[in-house]
C-alpha atoms as a PDB file:
ATOM      1  CA  UNK A   1      41.450 -66.532 121.102  1.00  0.00           C
ATOM      2  CA  UNK A   2      44.652 -67.261 120.286  1.00  0.00           C
ATOM      3  CA  UNK A   3      46.829 -67.194 123.727  1.00  0.00           C
ATOM      4  CA  UNK A   4      49.984 -68.499 122.410  1.00  0.00           C
ATOM      5  CA  UNK A   5      50.443 -65.304 120.582  1.00  0.00           C
ATOM      6  CA  UNK A   6      50.806 -62.923 122.865  1.00  0.00           C
ATOM      7  CA  UNK A   7      53.215 -64.625 124.761  1.00  0.00           C
ATOM      8  CA  UNK A   8      55.146 -65.352 122.070  1.00  0.00           C
ATOM      9  CA  UNK A   9      55.804 -61.866 121.056  1.00  0.00           C
ATOM     10  CA  UNK A  10      56.105 -60.932 124.458  1.00  0.00           C
ATOM     11  CA  UNK A  11      59.188 -63.494 125.047  1.00  0.00           C
ATOM     12  CA  UNK A  12      60.489 -62.415 121.973  1.00  0.00           C
ATOM     13  CA  UNK A  13      60.653 -58.951 122.901  1.00  0.00           C
ATOM     14  CA  UNK A  14      62.127 -59.404 126.521  1.00  0.00           C
ATOM     15  CA  UNK A  15      65.198 -61.799 125.136  1.00  0.00           C
ATOM     16  CA  UNK A  16      66.000 -58.997 122.630  1.00  0.00           C
ATOM     17  CA  UNK A  17      66.192 -56.461 125.488  1.00  0.00           C
ATOM     18  CA  UNK A  18      67.693 -58.658 127.698  1.00  0.00           C
ATOM     19  CA  UNK A  19      69.968 -61.422 125.848  1.00  0.00           C
ATOM     20  CA  UNK A  20      72.543 -61.478 128.413  1.00  0.00           C
ATOM     21  CA  UNK A  21      71.844 -60.969 132.420  1.00  0.00           C
ATOM     22  CA  UNK A  22      70.878 -64.479 133.301  1.00  0.00           C
ATOM     23  CA  UNK A  23      69.117 -63.262 136.582  1.00  0.00           C
ATOM     24  CA  UNK A  24      67.952 -60.001 134.509  1.00  0.00           C
ATOM     25  CA  UNK A  25      66.405 -61.862 132.456  1.00  0.00           C
ATOM     26  CA  UNK A  26      64.574 -64.913 134.008  1.00  0.00           C
ATOM     27  CA  UNK A  27      62.839 -62.212 136.454  1.00  0.00           C
ATOM     28  CA  UNK A  28      61.854 -61.099 133.758  1.00  0.00           C
ATOM     29  CA  UNK A  29      59.967 -64.134 131.922  1.00  0.00           C
ATOM     30  CA  UNK A  30      58.607 -64.752 135.285  1.00  0.00           C
ATOM     31  CA  UNK A  31      56.731 -61.171 134.843  1.00  0.00           C
ATOM     32  CA  UNK A  32      56.039 -61.933 131.615  1.00  0.00           C
ATOM     33  CA  UNK A  33      54.165 -65.122 132.440  1.00  0.00           C
ATOM     34  CA  UNK A  34      52.750 -64.021 135.316  1.00  0.00           C
ATOM     35  CA  UNK A  35      51.339 -61.535 133.253  1.00  0.00           C
ATOM     36  CA  UNK A  36      49.705 -63.726 130.863  1.00  0.00           C
ATOM     37  CA  UNK A  37      48.227 -66.393 133.373  1.00  0.00           C
ATOM     38  CA  UNK A  38      46.861 -62.971 134.962  1.00  0.00           C
ATOM     39  CA  UNK A  39      45.373 -61.738 131.737  1.00  0.00           C
ATOM     40  CA  UNK A  40      43.990 -65.622 130.438  1.00  0.00           C
ATOM     41  CA  UNK A  41      42.445 -65.906 134.096  1.00  0.00           C
ATOM     42  CA  UNK A  42      40.770 -62.581 133.524  1.00  0.00           C
ATOM     43  CA  UNK A  43      39.022 -64.131 130.281  1.00  0.00           C
ATOM     44  CA  UNK A  44      38.205 -66.641 131.581  1.00  0.00           C
ATOM     45  CA  UNK A  45      35.777 -64.980 134.621  1.00  0.00           C
ATOM     46  CA  UNK A  46      34.446 -63.164 131.532  1.00  0.00           C
ATOM     47  CA  UNK A  47      33.586 -65.807 129.683  1.00  0.00           C
ATOM     48  CA  UNK A  48      32.114 -68.141 132.747  1.00  0.00           C
ATOM     49  CA  UNK A  49      29.867 -64.493 133.440  1.00  0.00           C
ATOM     50  CA  UNK A  50      28.833 -64.543 130.080  1.00  0.00           C
ATOM     51  CA  UNK A  51      27.530 -67.901 130.308  1.00  0.00           C
ATOM     52  CA  UNK A  52      25.915 -67.765 133.367  1.00  0.00           C
ATOM     53  CA  UNK A  53      24.735 -64.459 132.027  1.00  0.00           C
ATOM     54  CA  UNK A  54      23.472 -66.822 128.715  1.00  0.00           C
ATOM     55  CA  UNK A  55      22.042 -69.526 131.122  1.00  0.00           C
ATOM     56  CA  UNK A  56      19.850 -66.893 132.762  1.00  0.00           C
ATOM     57  CA  UNK A  57      21.715 -67.255 135.916  1.00  0.00           C
ATOM     58  CA  UNK A  58      23.319 -64.455 138.549  1.00  0.00           C
ATOM     59  CA  UNK A  59      26.342 -63.813 138.985  1.00  0.00           C
ATOM     60  CA  UNK A  60      28.276 -62.454 141.877  1.00  0.00           C
ATOM     61  CA  UNK A  61      29.847 -59.091 141.832  1.00  0.00           C
ATOM     62  CA  UNK A  62      30.920 -57.685 145.397  1.00  0.00           C
ATOM     63  CA  UNK A  63      29.653 -54.824 146.158  1.00  0.00           C
ATOM     64  CA  UNK A  64      31.878 -51.808 147.573  1.00  0.00           C
END
């Protein structure tokens, strides 16, 4: 999976929307970076779960 692809396209969109406002631009970029990291973490979590299932091991899931 290309992780940089969505990040670069979203970064380009944000800089096109807010090119001059420094404060808004920085906070927008922080939000984009945070969302990209959250997406990557959820993807790695899914990969770890699939790897454990493939090995026949259980994966702890919290029940409500």
